[in-house]
Structure formats: C-alpha cells, structure tokens
C-alpha cells in the first residue's frame, strides 16, 4: 500500500501532465469549462475537509471525557 508521500508525488505528476495536456490540446471554450469544473470540485473538497476536521475535533473532544 502506498504511503501519503507516494500518493502526493503521484498526484503532483498527474497534475503536471494534465496541465500540459490542457495547454497544448484543449480549445479555449473547453478550457473555460474545465476551469469551472475544477473550481466547483475545489469548493466541494474544501467543504469535505471542513467536515472531516469537524468530526476529528468532535471525536477528540469525546476522547477527552
């Protein structure tokens, strides 16, 4: 099983490949649509991160009792 460092490295590599593809192969209208989709995904991931942090803080408070 991969550790977080390996996963992070893989994600960085794939993002670099995606960036090259977008710059070289995508038409401007498609790029704009991709930007919208990425921003939406970013907002959803941020919301998920807040929920995970909230659960962790909640369970840590429960552990302290």
PDB file of N, CA and C in Angstrom:
ATOM      1  N   UNK A   1       0.839  -1.181   0.000  1.00  0.00           N
ATOM      2  CA  UNK A   1       0.000   0.000   0.000  1.00  0.00           C
ATOM      3  C   UNK A   1       0.885   1.246   0.000  1.00  0.00           C
ATOM      4  N   UNK A   2       0.520   2.223  -0.811  1.00  0.00           N
ATOM      5  CA  UNK A   2       1.293   3.454  -0.938  1.00  0.00           C
ATOM      6  C   UNK A   2       1.106   4.321   0.295  1.00  0.00           C
ATOM      7  N   UNK A   3       2.173   5.044   0.652  1.00  0.00           N
ATOM      8  CA  UNK A   3       2.034   5.976   1.766  1.00  0.00           C
ATOM      9  C   UNK A   3       1.633   7.355   1.232  1.00  0.00           C
ATOM     10  N   UNK A   4       1.343   8.267   2.135  1.00  0.00           N
ATOM     11  CA  UNK A   4       0.861   9.589   1.729  1.00  0.00           C
ATOM     12  C   UNK A   4       1.871  10.337   0.859  1.00  0.00           C
ATOM     13  N   UNK A   5       3.161  10.172   1.146  1.00  0.00           N
ATOM     14  CA  UNK A   5       4.182  10.848   0.354  1.00  0.00           C
ATOM     15  C   UNK A   5       4.156  10.365  -1.099  1.00  0.00           C
ATOM     16  N   UNK A   6       4.049   9.057  -1.299  1.00  0.00           N
ATOM     17  CA  UNK A   6       3.984   8.497  -2.652  1.00  0.00           C
ATOM     18  C   UNK A   6       2.719   8.951  -3.369  1.00  0.00           C
ATOM     19  N   UNK A   7       1.614   8.963  -2.648  1.00  0.00           N
ATOM     20  CA  UNK A   7       0.352   9.411  -3.239  1.00  0.00           C
ATOM     21  C   UNK A   7       0.460  10.873  -3.652  1.00  0.00           C
ATOM     22  N   UNK A   8       1.029  11.694  -2.786  1.00  0.00           N
ATOM     23  CA  UNK A   8       1.221  13.115  -3.104  1.00  0.00           C
ATOM     24  C   UNK A   8       2.094  13.314  -4.334  1.00  0.00           C
ATOM     25  N   UNK A   9       3.168  12.536  -4.412  1.00  0.00           N
ATOM     26  CA  UNK A   9       4.058  12.624  -5.577  1.00  0.00           C
ATOM     27  C   UNK A   9       3.327  12.239  -6.858  1.00  0.00           C
ATOM     28  N   UNK A  10       2.540  11.177  -6.786  1.00  0.00           N
ATOM     29  CA  UNK A  10       1.776  10.730  -7.952  1.00  0.00           C
ATOM     30  C   UNK A  10       0.770  11.784  -8.383  1.00  0.00           C
ATOM     31  N   UNK A  11       0.079  12.376  -7.425  1.00  0.00           N
ATOM     32  CA  UNK A  11      -0.891  13.432  -7.747  1.00  0.00           C
ATOM     33  C   UNK A  11      -0.186  14.616  -8.407  1.00  0.00           C
ATOM     34  N   UNK A  12       0.957  15.029  -7.860  1.00  0.00           N
ATOM     35  CA  UNK A  12       1.712  16.137  -8.458  1.00  0.00           C
ATOM     36  C   UNK A  12       2.107  15.828  -9.903  1.00  0.00           C
ATOM     37  N   UNK A  13       2.562  14.601 -10.148  1.00  0.00           N
ATOM     38  CA  UNK A  13       2.966  14.210 -11.505  1.00  0.00           C
ATOM     39  C   UNK A  13       1.775  14.233 -12.460  1.00  0.00           C
ATOM     40  N   UNK A  14       0.651  13.697 -12.009  1.00  0.00           N
ATOM     41  CA  UNK A  14      -0.539  13.669 -12.860  1.00  0.00           C
ATOM     42  C   UNK A  14      -1.064  15.075 -13.129  1.00  0.00           C
ATOM     43  N   UNK A  15      -1.003  15.947 -12.140  1.00  0.00           N
ATOM     44  CA  UNK A  15      -1.435  17.329 -12.357  1.00  0.00           C
ATOM     45  C   UNK A  15      -0.541  18.037 -13.368  1.00  0.00           C
ATOM     46  N   UNK A  16       0.757  17.764 -13.315  1.00  0.00           N
ATOM     47  CA  UNK A  16       1.676  18.354 -14.297  1.00  0.00           C
ATOM     48  C   UNK A  16       1.334  17.863 -15.705  1.00  0.00           C
ATOM     49  N   UNK A  17       1.028  16.565 -15.827  1.00  0.00           N
ATOM     50  CA  UNK A  17       0.630  16.022 -17.139  1.00  0.00           C
ATOM     51  C   UNK A  17      -0.676  16.644 -17.616  1.00  0.00           C
ATOM     52  N   UNK A  18      -1.631  16.814 -16.707  1.00  0.00           N
ATOM     53  CA  UNK A  18      -2.910  17.423 -17.060  1.00  0.00           C
ATOM     54  C   UNK A  18      -2.713  18.861 -17.531  1.00  0.00           C
ATOM     55  N   UNK A  19      -1.865  19.590 -16.832  1.00  0.00           N
ATOM     56  CA  UNK A  19      -1.595  20.985 -17.204  1.00  0.00           C
ATOM     57  C   UNK A  19      -1.031  21.062 -18.625  1.00  0.00           C
ATOM     58  N   UNK A  20      -0.083  20.211 -18.940  1.00  0.00           N
ATOM     59  CA  UNK A  20       0.488  20.191 -20.293  1.00  0.00           C
ATOM     60  C   UNK A  20      -0.577  19.866 -21.330  1.00  0.00           C
ATOM     61  N   UNK A  21      -1.403  18.883 -21.029  1.00  0.00           N
ATOM     62  CA  UNK A  21      -2.464  18.498 -21.959  1.00  0.00           C
ATOM     63  C   UNK A  21      -3.418  19.666 -22.198  1.00  0.00           C
ATOM     64  N   UNK A  22      -3.838  20.303 -21.110  1.00  0.00           N
ATOM     65  CA  UNK A  22      -4.779  21.421 -21.222  1.00  0.00           C
ATOM     66  C   UNK A  22      -4.170  22.543 -22.067  1.00  0.00           C
ATOM     67  N   UNK A  23      -2.911  22.866 -21.812  1.00  0.00           N
ATOM     68  CA  UNK A  23      -2.256  23.953 -22.539  1.00  0.00           C
ATOM     69  C   UNK A  23      -2.068  23.631 -24.023  1.00  0.00           C
ATOM     70  N   UNK A  24      -1.774  22.369 -24.335  1.00  0.00           N
ATOM     71  CA  UNK A  24      -1.435  22.009 -25.716  1.00  0.00           C
ATOM     72  C   UNK A  24      -2.618  21.538 -26.549  1.00  0.00           C
ATOM     73  N   UNK A  25      -3.578  20.873 -25.926  1.00  0.00           N
ATOM     74  CA  UNK A  25      -4.594  20.163 -26.693  1.00  0.00           C
ATOM     75  C   UNK A  25      -6.009  20.725 -26.611  1.00  0.00           C
ATOM     76  N   UNK A  26      -6.331  21.436 -25.573  1.00  0.00           N
ATOM     77  CA  UNK A  26      -7.721  21.860 -25.382  1.00  0.00           C
ATOM     78  C   UNK A  26      -8.019  23.190 -26.050  1.00  0.00           C
ATOM     79  N   UNK A  27      -9.211  23.272 -26.585  1.00  0.00           N
ATOM     80  CA  UNK A  27      -9.682  24.530 -27.150  1.00  0.00           C
ATOM     81  C   UNK A  27     -10.050  25.470 -26.007  1.00  0.00           C
ATOM     82  N   UNK A  28      -9.999  26.776 -26.244  1.00  0.00           N
ATOM     83  CA  UNK A  28     -10.294  27.743 -25.183  1.00  0.00           C
ATOM     84  C   UNK A  28     -11.649  27.538 -24.504  1.00  0.00           C
ATOM     85  N   UNK A  29     -12.685  27.222 -25.261  1.00  0.00           N
ATOM     86  CA  UNK A  29     -14.001  27.039 -24.643  1.00  0.00           C
ATOM     87  C   UNK A  29     -13.993  25.826 -23.704  1.00  0.00           C
ATOM     88  N   UNK A  30     -13.310  24.785 -24.092  1.00  0.00           N
ATOM     89  CA  UNK A  30     -13.211  23.595 -23.255  1.00  0.00           C
ATOM     90  C   UNK A  30     -12.405  23.907 -22.003  1.00  0.00           C
ATOM     91  N   UNK A  31     -11.351  24.711 -22.156  1.00  0.00           N
ATOM     92  CA  UNK A  31     -10.548  25.118 -21.001  1.00  0.00           C
ATOM     93  C   UNK A  31     -11.393  25.881 -19.990  1.00  0.00           C
ATOM     94  N   UNK A  32     -12.250  26.783 -20.485  1.00  0.00           N
ATOM     95  CA  UNK A  32     -13.111  27.551 -19.580  1.00  0.00           C
ATOM     96  C   UNK A  32     -14.057  26.623 -18.827  1.00  0.00           C
ATOM     97  N   UNK A  33     -14.590  25.624 -19.520  1.00  0.00           N
ATOM     98  CA  UNK A  33     -15.479  24.663 -18.864  1.00  0.00           C
ATOM     99  C   UNK A  33     -14.714  23.858 -17.810  1.00  0.00           C
ATOM    100  N   UNK A  34     -13.483  23.485 -18.129  1.00  0.00           N
ATOM    101  CA  UNK A  34     -12.657  22.753 -17.182  1.00  0.00           C
ATOM    102  C   UNK A  34     -12.373  23.596 -15.945  1.00  0.00           C
ATOM    103  N   UNK A  35     -12.085  24.872 -16.159  1.00  0.00           N
ATOM    104  CA  UNK A  35     -11.815  25.774 -15.032  1.00  0.00           C
ATOM    105  C   UNK A  35     -13.024  25.819 -14.101  1.00  0.00           C
ATOM    106  N   UNK A  36     -14.215  25.940 -14.672  1.00  0.00           N
ATOM    107  CA  UNK A  36     -15.440  25.953 -13.850  1.00  0.00           C
ATOM    108  C   UNK A  36     -15.580  24.651 -13.063  1.00  0.00           C
ATOM    109  N   UNK A  37     -15.342  23.535 -13.727  1.00  0.00           N
ATOM    110  CA  UNK A  37     -15.464  22.231 -13.065  1.00  0.00           C
ATOM    111  C   UNK A  37     -14.434  22.083 -11.945  1.00  0.00           C
ATOM    112  N   UNK A  38     -13.211  22.525 -12.196  1.00  0.00           N
ATOM    113  CA  UNK A  38     -12.167  22.431 -11.175  1.00  0.00           C
ATOM    114  C   UNK A  38     -12.479  23.311  -9.978  1.00  0.00           C
ATOM    115  N   UNK A  39     -13.008  24.511 -10.227  1.00  0.00           N
ATOM    116  CA  UNK A  39     -13.376  25.396  -9.116  1.00  0.00           C
ATOM    117  C   UNK A  39     -14.505  24.782  -8.295  1.00  0.00           C
ATOM    118  N   UNK A  40     -15.465  24.181  -8.960  1.00  0.00           N
ATOM    119  CA  UNK A  40     -16.560  23.528  -8.258  1.00  0.00           C
ATOM    120  C   UNK A  40     -16.028  22.363  -7.421  1.00  0.00           C
ATOM    121  N   UNK A  41     -15.150  21.566  -8.001  1.00  0.00           N
ATOM    122  CA  UNK A  41     -14.562  20.445  -7.270  1.00  0.00           C
ATOM    123  C   UNK A  41     -13.759  20.949  -6.073  1.00  0.00           C
ATOM    124  N   UNK A  42     -13.057  22.037  -6.250  1.00  0.00           N
ATOM    125  CA  UNK A  42     -12.268  22.616  -5.167  1.00  0.00           C
ATOM    126  C   UNK A  42     -13.152  23.027  -4.001  1.00  0.00           C
ATOM    127  N   UNK A  43     -14.270  23.669  -4.307  1.00  0.00           N
ATOM    128  CA  UNK A  43     -15.205  24.069  -3.246  1.00  0.00           C
ATOM    129  C   UNK A  43     -15.751  22.850  -2.506  1.00  0.00           C
ATOM    130  N   UNK A  44     -16.071  21.809  -3.265  1.00  0.00           N
ATOM    131  CA  UNK A  44     -16.607  20.593  -2.641  1.00  0.00           C
ATOM    132  C   UNK A  44     -15.552  19.898  -1.781  1.00  0.00           C
ATOM    133  N   UNK A  45     -14.308  19.884  -2.253  1.00  0.00           N
ATOM    134  CA  UNK A  45     -13.238  19.275  -1.463  1.00  0.00           C
ATOM    135  C   UNK A  45     -12.977  20.072  -0.188  1.00  0.00           C
ATOM    136  N   UNK A  46     -13.043  21.399  -0.276  1.00  0.00           N
ATOM    137  CA  UNK A  46     -12.856  22.237   0.914  1.00  0.00           C
ATOM    138  C   UNK A  46     -13.963  21.972   1.929  1.00  0.00           C
ATOM    139  N   UNK A  47     -15.191  21.817   1.437  1.00  0.00           N
ATOM    140  CA  UNK A  47     -16.317  21.518   2.320  1.00  0.00           C
ATOM    141  C   UNK A  47     -16.116  20.150   2.994  1.00  0.00           C
ATOM    142  N   UNK A  48     -15.676  19.173   2.224  1.00  0.00           N
ATOM    143  CA  UNK A  48     -15.408  17.849   2.774  1.00  0.00           C
ATOM    144  C   UNK A  48     -14.308  17.918   3.828  1.00  0.00           C
ATOM    145  N   UNK A  49     -13.263  18.685   3.560  1.00  0.00           N
ATOM    146  CA  UNK A  49     -12.163  18.826   4.520  1.00  0.00           C
ATOM    147  C   UNK A  49     -12.665  19.426   5.832  1.00  0.00           C
ATOM    148  N   UNK A  50     -13.547  20.427   5.747  1.00  0.00           N
ATOM    149  CA  UNK A  50     -14.108  21.019   6.969  1.00  0.00           C
ATOM    150  C   UNK A  50     -14.914  19.988   7.754  1.00  0.00           C
ATOM    151  N   UNK A  51     -15.674  19.158   7.039  1.00  0.00           N
ATOM    152  CA  UNK A  51     -16.455  18.119   7.719  1.00  0.00           C
ATOM    153  C   UNK A  51     -15.531  17.118   8.407  1.00  0.00           C
ATOM    154  N   UNK A  52     -14.484  16.706   7.731  1.00  0.00           N
ATOM    155  CA  UNK A  52     -13.542  15.750   8.310  1.00  0.00           C
ATOM    156  C   UNK A  52     -12.877  16.361   9.542  1.00  0.00           C
ATOM    157  N   UNK A  53     -12.470  17.610   9.445  1.00  0.00           N
ATOM    158  CA  UNK A  53     -11.866  18.278  10.602  1.00  0.00           C
ATOM    159  C   UNK A  53     -12.857  18.372  11.755  1.00  0.00           C
ATOM    160  N   UNK A  54     -14.112  18.680  11.441  1.00  0.00           N
ATOM    161  CA  UNK A  54     -15.135  18.774  12.474  1.00  0.00           C
ATOM    162  C   UNK A  54     -15.343  17.451  13.183  1.00  0.00           C
ATOM    163  N   UNK A  55     -15.359  16.379  12.417  1.00  0.00           N
ATOM    164  CA  UNK A  55     -15.525  15.043  13.015  1.00  0.00           C
ATOM    165  C   UNK A  55     -14.329  14.687  13.881  1.00  0.00           C
ATOM    166  N   UNK A  56     -13.150  15.038  13.404  1.00  0.00           N
ATOM    167  CA  UNK A  56     -11.935  14.734  14.169  1.00  0.00           C
ATOM    168  C   UNK A  56     -11.924  15.522  15.467  1.00  0.00           C
ATOM    169  N   UNK A  57     -12.286  16.814  15.386  1.00  0.00           N
ATOM    170  CA  UNK A  57     -12.327  17.642  16.589  1.00  0.00           C
ATOM    171  C   UNK A  57     -13.406  17.136  17.535  1.00  0.00           C
ATOM    172  N   UNK A  58     -14.548  16.717  16.979  1.00  0.00           N
ATOM    173  CA  UNK A  58     -15.625  16.172  17.795  1.00  0.00           C
ATOM    174  C   UNK A  58     -15.222  14.890  18.479  1.00  0.00           C
ATOM    175  N   UNK A  59     -14.514  14.019  17.767  1.00  0.00           N
ATOM    176  CA  UNK A  59     -14.097  12.749  18.375  1.00  0.00           C
ATOM    177  C   UNK A  59     -12.980  12.988  19.372  1.00  0.00           C
ATOM    178  N   UNK A  60     -12.127  13.978  19.147  1.00  0.00           N
ATOM    179  CA  UNK A  60     -11.071  14.290  20.095  1.00  0.00           C
ATOM    180  C   UNK A  60     -11.678  14.833  21.386  1.00  0.00           C
ATOM    181  N   UNK A  61     -12.736  15.635  21.269  1.00  0.00           N
ATOM    182  CA  UNK A  61     -13.420  16.159  22.454  1.00  0.00           C
ATOM    183  C   UNK A  61     -14.075  15.008  23.200  1.00  0.00           C
ATOM    184  N   UNK A  62     -14.646  14.055  22.462  1.00  0.00           N
ATOM    185  CA  UNK A  62     -15.262  12.894  23.094  1.00  0.00           C
ATOM    186  C   UNK A  62     -14.245  12.004  23.781  1.00  0.00           C
ATOM    187  N   UNK A  63     -13.035  11.931  23.202  1.00  0.00           N
ATOM    188  CA  UNK A  63     -11.969  11.124  23.792  1.00  0.00           C
ATOM    189  C   UNK A  63     -11.456  11.731  25.090  1.00  0.00           C
ATOM    190  N   UNK A  64     -11.552  13.056  25.197  1.00  0.00           N
ATOM    191  CA  UNK A  64     -11.027  13.747  26.352  1.00  0.00           C
ATOM    192  C   UNK A  64     -11.918  13.548  27.585  1.00  0.00           C
ATOM    193  N   UNK A  65     -13.157  13.113  27.376  1.00  0.00           N
ATOM    194  CA  UNK A  65     -14.096  12.952  28.508  1.00  0.00           C
ATOM    195  C   UNK A  65     -13.728  11.796  29.389  1.00  0.00           C
TER     196      UNK A  65
END
